[in-house]
Amino acid sequence: MAHDRCSMDVMNNRTFANSTTYAAKLVAMVRDDLQERREARTARKQLMRELDGYHSRADIDDLLAAVDRHEGPEAEIMRTILHSKLAHAQRGSLAG
């Protein structure tokens, strides 16, 4: 019986070590994901500030034409921002 108890203690210690390792990895993954999201949000805000000076439909259309020649997540974010600005510009022109 002492052998069985010793085996159970070893198994419980391994389980605890494995769950501790898993928890540490999970915390690291969540921390890394949050950091990536913060960086992406910061980059998006910076891009929005850089594009803030473009208000006319002609300017926005020119930028969209330039962005359409590029692929990737940055280009897609820029397209999204520009389409939003274009919709806002169109609403403004309809209201006036």
C-alpha atoms as a PDB file:
ATOM      1  CA  MET A   1       0.000   0.000   0.000  1.00  0.00           C
ATOM      2  CA  ALA A   2       2.874   2.404   0.699  1.00  0.00           C
ATOM      3  CA  HIS A   3       4.064   1.859  -2.864  1.00  0.00           C
ATOM      4  CA  ASP A   4       0.595   2.726  -4.219  1.00  0.00           C
ATOM      5  CA  ARG A   5       0.468   5.869  -2.093  1.00  0.00           C
ATOM      6  CA  CYS A   6       3.925   6.892  -3.291  1.00  0.00           C
ATOM      7  CA  SER A   7       2.846   6.360  -6.900  1.00  0.00           C
ATOM      8  CA  MET A   8      -0.260   8.495  -6.337  1.00  0.00           C
ATOM      9  CA  ASP A   9       1.838  11.262  -4.772  1.00  0.00           C
ATOM     10  CA  VAL A  10       4.171  11.240  -7.773  1.00  0.00           C
ATOM     11  CA  MET A  11       1.192  11.315 -10.166  1.00  0.00           C
ATOM     12  CA  ASN A  12      -0.430  14.172  -8.234  1.00  0.00           C
ATOM     13  CA  ASN A  13       2.818  16.148  -8.294  1.00  0.00           C
ATOM     14  CA  ARG A  14       3.130  15.612 -12.040  1.00  0.00           C
ATOM     15  CA  THR A  15      -0.475  16.669 -12.557  1.00  0.00           C
ATOM     16  CA  PHE A  16       0.125  19.789 -10.476  1.00  0.00           C
ATOM     17  CA  ALA A  17       3.331  20.546 -12.354  1.00  0.00           C
ATOM     18  CA  ASN A  18       1.574  20.003 -15.678  1.00  0.00           C
ATOM     19  CA  SER A  19      -1.371  22.208 -14.692  1.00  0.00           C
ATOM     20  CA  THR A  20       1.012  24.887 -13.399  1.00  0.00           C
ATOM     21  CA  THR A  21       2.952  24.749 -16.664  1.00  0.00           C
ATOM     22  CA  TYR A  22      -0.305  24.893 -18.616  1.00  0.00           C
ATOM     23  CA  ALA A  23      -1.541  27.852 -16.573  1.00  0.00           C
ATOM     24  CA  ALA A  24       1.745  29.689 -17.059  1.00  0.00           C
ATOM     25  CA  LYS A  25       1.602  29.082 -20.810  1.00  0.00           C
ATOM     26  CA  LEU A  26      -2.026  30.200 -20.915  1.00  0.00           C
ATOM     27  CA  VAL A  27      -1.226  33.411 -19.027  1.00  0.00           C
ATOM     28  CA  ALA A  28       1.695  34.091 -21.374  1.00  0.00           C
ATOM     29  CA  MET A  29      -0.521  33.518 -24.418  1.00  0.00           C
ATOM     30  CA  VAL A  30      -3.206  35.866 -23.106  1.00  0.00           C
ATOM     31  CA  ARG A  31      -0.596  38.497 -22.215  1.00  0.00           C
ATOM     32  CA  ASP A  32       0.966  38.256 -25.691  1.00  0.00           C
ATOM     33  CA  ASP A  33      -2.452  38.466 -27.343  1.00  0.00           C
ATOM     34  CA  LEU A  34      -3.350  41.565 -25.336  1.00  0.00           C
ATOM     35  CA  GLN A  35      -0.020  43.161 -26.240  1.00  0.00           C
ATOM     36  CA  GLU A  36      -0.607  42.465 -29.942  1.00  0.00           C
ATOM     37  CA  ARG A  37      -4.101  43.957 -29.703  1.00  0.00           C
ATOM     38  CA  ARG A  38      -2.749  47.080 -27.974  1.00  0.00           C
ATOM     39  CA  GLU A  39      -0.105  47.490 -30.665  1.00  0.00           C
ATOM     40  CA  ALA A  40      -2.682  47.007 -33.436  1.00  0.00           C
ATOM     41  CA  ARG A  41      -5.016  49.546 -31.812  1.00  0.00           C
ATOM     42  CA  THR A  42      -2.164  52.042 -31.469  1.00  0.00           C
ATOM     43  CA  ALA A  43      -1.166  51.542 -35.119  1.00  0.00           C
ATOM     44  CA  ARG A  44      -4.777  51.977 -36.261  1.00  0.00           C
ATOM     45  CA  LYS A  45      -5.150  55.198 -34.255  1.00  0.00           C
ATOM     46  CA  GLN A  46      -1.895  56.504 -35.744  1.00  0.00           C
ATOM     47  CA  LEU A  47      -3.090  55.687 -39.258  1.00  0.00           C
ATOM     48  CA  MET A  48      -6.397  57.404 -38.567  1.00  0.00           C
ATOM     49  CA  ARG A  49      -4.525  60.522 -37.416  1.00  0.00           C
ATOM     50  CA  GLU A  50      -2.386  60.444 -40.568  1.00  0.00           C
ATOM     51  CA  LEU A  51      -5.484  60.158 -42.766  1.00  0.00           C
ATOM     52  CA  ASP A  52      -7.423  62.753 -40.803  1.00  0.00           C
ATOM     53  CA  GLY A  53      -6.448  65.556 -43.190  1.00  0.00           C
ATOM     54  CA  TYR A  54      -8.154  63.911 -46.161  1.00  0.00           C
ATOM     55  CA  HIS A  55     -11.792  64.980 -46.242  1.00  0.00           C
ATOM     56  CA  SER A  56     -12.766  65.530 -49.851  1.00  0.00           C
ATOM     57  CA  ARG A  57     -14.176  62.713 -51.936  1.00  0.00           C
ATOM     58  CA  ALA A  58     -11.469  63.283 -54.580  1.00  0.00           C
ATOM     59  CA  ASP A  59      -8.644  62.944 -52.020  1.00  0.00           C
ATOM     60  CA  ILE A  60     -10.159  59.819 -50.515  1.00  0.00           C
ATOM     61  CA  ASP A  61     -10.776  58.286 -53.954  1.00  0.00           C
ATOM     62  CA  ASP A  62      -7.134  58.958 -54.892  1.00  0.00           C
ATOM     63  CA  LEU A  63      -5.911  57.260 -51.722  1.00  0.00           C
ATOM     64  CA  LEU A  64      -8.239  54.301 -52.278  1.00  0.00           C
ATOM     65  CA  ALA A  65      -6.886  53.899 -55.811  1.00  0.00           C
ATOM     66  CA  ALA A  66      -3.343  53.834 -54.424  1.00  0.00           C
ATOM     67  CA  VAL A  67      -4.226  51.387 -51.626  1.00  0.00           C
ATOM     68  CA  ASP A  68      -6.027  49.080 -54.040  1.00  0.00           C
ATOM     69  CA  ARG A  69      -2.655  48.247 -55.597  1.00  0.00           C
ATOM     70  CA  HIS A  70      -1.509  46.735 -52.263  1.00  0.00           C
ATOM     71  CA  GLU A  71      -2.480  43.681 -50.264  1.00  0.00           C
ATOM     72  CA  GLY A  72      -2.084  42.727 -46.652  1.00  0.00           C
ATOM     73  CA  PRO A  73      -3.601  43.613 -43.306  1.00  0.00           C
ATOM     74  CA  GLU A  74      -2.289  47.197 -43.291  1.00  0.00           C
ATOM     75  CA  ALA A  75      -3.813  47.901 -46.697  1.00  0.00           C
ATOM     76  CA  GLU A  76      -7.100  46.365 -45.587  1.00  0.00           C
ATOM     77  CA  ILE A  77      -7.179  48.540 -42.467  1.00  0.00           C
ATOM     78  CA  MET A  78      -6.435  51.603 -44.578  1.00  0.00           C
ATOM     79  CA  ARG A  79      -9.233  50.680 -47.008  1.00  0.00           C
ATOM     80  CA  THR A  80     -11.662  50.279 -44.105  1.00  0.00           C
ATOM     81  CA  ILE A  81     -10.743  53.683 -42.682  1.00  0.00           C
ATOM     82  CA  LEU A  82     -10.937  55.361 -46.090  1.00  0.00           C
ATOM     83  CA  HIS A  83     -14.322  53.813 -46.910  1.00  0.00           C
ATOM     84  CA  SER A  84     -15.590  55.041 -43.552  1.00  0.00           C
ATOM     85  CA  LYS A  85     -14.276  58.533 -44.307  1.00  0.00           C
ATOM     86  CA  LEU A  86     -15.860  58.383 -47.760  1.00  0.00           C
ATOM     87  CA  ALA A  87     -19.232  57.420 -46.292  1.00  0.00           C
ATOM     88  CA  HIS A  88     -18.906  60.249 -43.778  1.00  0.00           C
ATOM     89  CA  ALA A  89     -18.017  62.698 -46.559  1.00  0.00           C
ATOM     90  CA  GLN A  90     -21.037  61.585 -48.579  1.00  0.00           C
ATOM     91  CA  ARG A  91     -23.369  61.988 -45.597  1.00  0.00           C
ATOM     92  CA  GLY A  92     -21.956  65.469 -45.050  1.00  0.00           C
ATOM     93  CA  SER A  93     -22.520  66.466 -48.658  1.00  0.00           C
ATOM     94  CA  LEU A  94     -26.090  65.165 -48.591  1.00  0.00           C
ATOM     95  CA  ALA A  95     -26.871  67.073 -45.401  1.00  0.00           C
ATOM     96  CA  GLY A  96     -25.507  70.342 -46.810  1.00  0.00           C
END
